[in-house]
C-alpha atoms as a PDB file:
ATOM      1  CA  UNK A   1      -3.186  15.507  13.434  1.00  0.00           C
ATOM      2  CA  UNK A   2      -2.164  13.427  10.579  1.00  0.00           C
ATOM      3  CA  UNK A   3      -3.307  12.954   6.963  1.00  0.00           C
ATOM      4  CA  UNK A   4      -6.685  12.662   5.233  1.00  0.00           C
ATOM      5  CA  UNK A   5      -7.685  12.175   1.694  1.00  0.00           C
ATOM      6  CA  UNK A   6     -10.346  14.061  -0.213  1.00  0.00           C
ATOM      7  CA  UNK A   7     -11.386  14.580  -3.773  1.00  0.00           C
ATOM      8  CA  UNK A   8     -10.635  18.240  -4.642  1.00  0.00           C
ATOM      9  CA  UNK A   9     -14.180  18.635  -6.084  1.00  0.00           C
ATOM     10  CA  UNK A  10     -15.770  17.900  -2.647  1.00  0.00           C
ATOM     11  CA  UNK A  11     -16.706  20.974  -0.556  1.00  0.00           C
ATOM     12  CA  UNK A  12     -13.990  22.185   1.713  1.00  0.00           C
ATOM     13  CA  UNK A  13     -14.592  21.712   5.534  1.00  0.00           C
ATOM     14  CA  UNK A  14     -12.915  23.099   8.643  1.00  0.00           C
ATOM     15  CA  UNK A  15     -11.912  19.528   9.587  1.00  0.00           C
ATOM     16  CA  UNK A  16      -9.633  19.502   6.435  1.00  0.00           C
ATOM     17  CA  UNK A  17      -6.978  21.523   8.135  1.00  0.00           C
ATOM     18  CA  UNK A  18      -4.286  22.228   5.578  1.00  0.00           C
ATOM     19  CA  UNK A  19      -5.520  21.540   2.152  1.00  0.00           C
ATOM     20  CA  UNK A  20      -2.723  20.281  -0.269  1.00  0.00           C
ATOM     21  CA  UNK A  21      -3.323  19.418  -3.881  1.00  0.00           C
ATOM     22  CA  UNK A  22      -1.006  16.581  -4.960  1.00  0.00           C
ATOM     23  CA  UNK A  23      -1.838  16.258  -8.615  1.00  0.00           C
ATOM     24  CA  UNK A  24       0.540  17.543 -11.407  1.00  0.00           C
ATOM     25  CA  UNK A  25      -2.339  18.847 -13.570  1.00  0.00           C
ATOM     26  CA  UNK A  26      -4.813  21.379 -12.260  1.00  0.00           C
ATOM     27  CA  UNK A  27      -8.342  19.800 -11.877  1.00  0.00           C
ATOM     28  CA  UNK A  28     -10.713  20.506 -14.781  1.00  0.00           C
ATOM     29  CA  UNK A  29     -13.456  23.008 -14.276  1.00  0.00           C
ATOM     30  CA  UNK A  30     -12.292  24.266 -10.940  1.00  0.00           C
ATOM     31  CA  UNK A  31     -11.076  27.687 -10.190  1.00  0.00           C
ATOM     32  CA  UNK A  32      -8.309  28.360  -7.578  1.00  0.00           C
ATOM     33  CA  UNK A  33     -10.956  30.146  -5.356  1.00  0.00           C
ATOM     34  CA  UNK A  34     -13.315  27.040  -5.595  1.00  0.00           C
ATOM     35  CA  UNK A  35     -10.545  24.734  -4.717  1.00  0.00           C
ATOM     36  CA  UNK A  36      -9.650  26.460  -1.373  1.00  0.00           C
ATOM     37  CA  UNK A  37      -6.115  25.048  -1.360  1.00  0.00           C
ATOM     38  CA  UNK A  38      -3.267  26.064   0.857  1.00  0.00           C
ATOM     39  CA  UNK A  39      -0.528  24.366  -1.266  1.00  0.00           C
ATOM     40  CA  UNK A  40      -0.151  22.778  -4.740  1.00  0.00           C
ATOM     41  CA  UNK A  41       2.630  20.404  -4.635  1.00  0.00           C
ATOM     42  CA  UNK A  42       2.721  19.316  -8.224  1.00  0.00           C
ATOM     43  CA  UNK A  43       6.444  18.349  -7.851  1.00  0.00           C
ATOM     44  CA  UNK A  44       5.598  15.452  -5.632  1.00  0.00           C
ATOM     45  CA  UNK A  45       2.956  14.085  -8.028  1.00  0.00           C
ATOM     46  CA  UNK A  46       3.883  11.110 -10.219  1.00  0.00           C
ATOM     47  CA  UNK A  47       5.873  12.070 -13.259  1.00  0.00           C
ATOM     48  CA  UNK A  48       3.892  12.570 -16.472  1.00  0.00           C
ATOM     49  CA  UNK A  49       5.430   9.369 -17.804  1.00  0.00           C
ATOM     50  CA  UNK A  50       4.313   7.274 -14.745  1.00  0.00           C
ATOM     51  CA  UNK A  51       0.925   8.813 -14.563  1.00  0.00           C
ATOM     52  CA  UNK A  52       0.201   8.089 -18.182  1.00  0.00           C
ATOM     53  CA  UNK A  53       1.570   4.482 -17.826  1.00  0.00           C
ATOM     54  CA  UNK A  54      -0.748   3.862 -14.764  1.00  0.00           C
ATOM     55  CA  UNK A  55      -3.785   5.311 -16.330  1.00  0.00           C
ATOM     56  CA  UNK A  56      -5.745   4.588 -13.094  1.00  0.00           C
ATOM     57  CA  UNK A  57      -5.756   0.891 -14.041  1.00  0.00           C
ATOM     58  CA  UNK A  58      -6.219  -1.193 -10.831  1.00  0.00           C
ATOM     59  CA  UNK A  59      -4.307  -3.998 -12.361  1.00  0.00           C
ATOM     60  CA  UNK A  60      -1.110  -1.828 -12.264  1.00  0.00           C
ATOM     61  CA  UNK A  61      -1.687  -0.486  -8.761  1.00  0.00           C
ATOM     62  CA  UNK A  62       0.929  -2.548  -7.035  1.00  0.00           C
ATOM     63  CA  UNK A  63       3.714  -1.720  -9.660  1.00  0.00           C
ATOM     64  CA  UNK A  64       2.553   1.984  -9.688  1.00  0.00           C
ATOM     65  CA  UNK A  65       3.130   2.319  -5.939  1.00  0.00           C
ATOM     66  CA  UNK A  66       6.553   0.769  -6.357  1.00  0.00           C
ATOM     67  CA  UNK A  67       7.491   3.113  -9.158  1.00  0.00           C
ATOM     68  CA  UNK A  68       5.998   6.122  -7.441  1.00  0.00           C
ATOM     69  CA  UNK A  69       7.869   5.357  -4.202  1.00  0.00           C
ATOM     70  CA  UNK A  70      11.176   5.418  -6.155  1.00  0.00           C
ATOM     71  CA  UNK A  71      10.162   8.882  -7.500  1.00  0.00           C
ATOM     72  CA  UNK A  72       9.267  10.103  -4.075  1.00  0.00           C
ATOM     73  CA  UNK A  73      12.638   9.053  -2.465  1.00  0.00           C
ATOM     74  CA  UNK A  74      14.280  11.810  -4.728  1.00  0.00           C
ATOM     75  CA  UNK A  75      11.865  14.484  -3.206  1.00  0.00           C
ATOM     76  CA  UNK A  76      12.770  13.969   0.385  1.00  0.00           C
ATOM     77  CA  UNK A  77      12.723  17.675   1.254  1.00  0.00           C
ATOM     78  CA  UNK A  78       9.120  18.197   0.207  1.00  0.00           C
ATOM     79  CA  UNK A  79       7.995  14.945   1.801  1.00  0.00           C
ATOM     80  CA  UNK A  80       9.668  16.021   5.182  1.00  0.00           C
ATOM     81  CA  UNK A  81       7.758  19.313   4.899  1.00  0.00           C
ATOM     82  CA  UNK A  82       4.432  17.553   4.582  1.00  0.00           C
ATOM     83  CA  UNK A  83       5.423  15.164   7.524  1.00  0.00           C
ATOM     84  CA  UNK A  84       6.200  18.157   9.678  1.00  0.00           C
ATOM     85  CA  UNK A  85       2.810  19.724   8.850  1.00  0.00           C
ATOM     86  CA  UNK A  86       0.977  16.422   9.535  1.00  0.00           C
ATOM     87  CA  UNK A  87       2.567  16.336  12.942  1.00  0.00           C
ATOM     88  CA  UNK A  88       1.192  19.779  13.904  1.00  0.00           C
ATOM     89  CA  UNK A  89      -2.110  19.739  12.131  1.00  0.00           C
ATOM     90  CA  UNK A  90      -4.505  17.798  10.047  1.00  0.00           C
ATOM     91  CA  UNK A  91      -3.421  17.757   6.373  1.00  0.00           C
ATOM     92  CA  UNK A  92      -5.819  16.823   3.728  1.00  0.00           C
ATOM     93  CA  UNK A  93      -4.233  15.510   0.419  1.00  0.00           C
ATOM     94  CA  UNK A  94      -6.470  16.554  -2.406  1.00  0.00           C
ATOM     95  CA  UNK A  95      -6.644  14.699  -5.665  1.00  0.00           C
ATOM     96  CA  UNK A  96      -8.860  14.830  -8.777  1.00  0.00           C
ATOM     97  CA  UNK A  97      -9.233  11.229  -9.715  1.00  0.00           C
ATOM     98  CA  UNK A  98     -12.567   9.486  -9.598  1.00  0.00           C
ATOM     99  CA  UNK A  99     -11.147   6.392  -8.175  1.00  0.00           C
ATOM    100  CA  UNK A 100     -10.789   6.685  -4.410  1.00  0.00           C
ATOM    101  CA  UNK A 101      -8.667   3.593  -3.964  1.00  0.00           C
ATOM    102  CA  UNK A 102      -6.279   3.733  -6.741  1.00  0.00           C
ATOM    103  CA  UNK A 103      -4.733   7.168  -7.138  1.00  0.00           C
ATOM    104  CA  UNK A 104      -1.390   8.865  -6.404  1.00  0.00           C
ATOM    105  CA  UNK A 105      -2.911  10.752  -3.123  1.00  0.00           C
ATOM    106  CA  UNK A 106      -3.504   7.153  -1.588  1.00  0.00           C
ATOM    107  CA  UNK A 107      -0.018   5.972  -2.390  1.00  0.00           C
ATOM    108  CA  UNK A 108       1.456   9.264  -1.135  1.00  0.00           C
ATOM    109  CA  UNK A 109      -0.518   9.081   2.154  1.00  0.00           C
ATOM    110  CA  UNK A 110       0.824   5.452   2.742  1.00  0.00           C
ATOM    111  CA  UNK A 111       4.367   6.651   1.988  1.00  0.00           C
ATOM    112  CA  UNK A 112       4.169   9.611   4.239  1.00  0.00           C
ATOM    113  CA  UNK A 113       2.602   7.631   7.116  1.00  0.00           C
ATOM    114  CA  UNK A 114       5.351   5.097   7.044  1.00  0.00           C
ATOM    115  CA  UNK A 115       7.894   7.895   7.357  1.00  0.00           C
ATOM    116  CA  UNK A 116       6.025   9.445  10.333  1.00  0.00           C
ATOM    117  CA  UNK A 117       6.715   6.283  12.540  1.00  0.00           C
END
């Protein structure tokens, strides 16, 4: 049980469990059939303004996480649903970014795991 991260462009696997896309924008060049997603939770993705400000700049990572956390606090119901799924099964948070260390899925996973304790 718990949460994993995976780039949406990677091949799906049984070990992924529930596959949840957590980007606001649909990944380029990928059809819904190819993505094999169970949920698309664009409402818990960073706001367009925050996403554009961050621009996947590692120098802004700490501040991005702080601002994103503030946005997530308003979306408690959806976060709680994810937490409940993660307690029952593996949930793979899917993202489109090329940077595996500095993206909203990483920040979201950290936020969710803190709530599960």
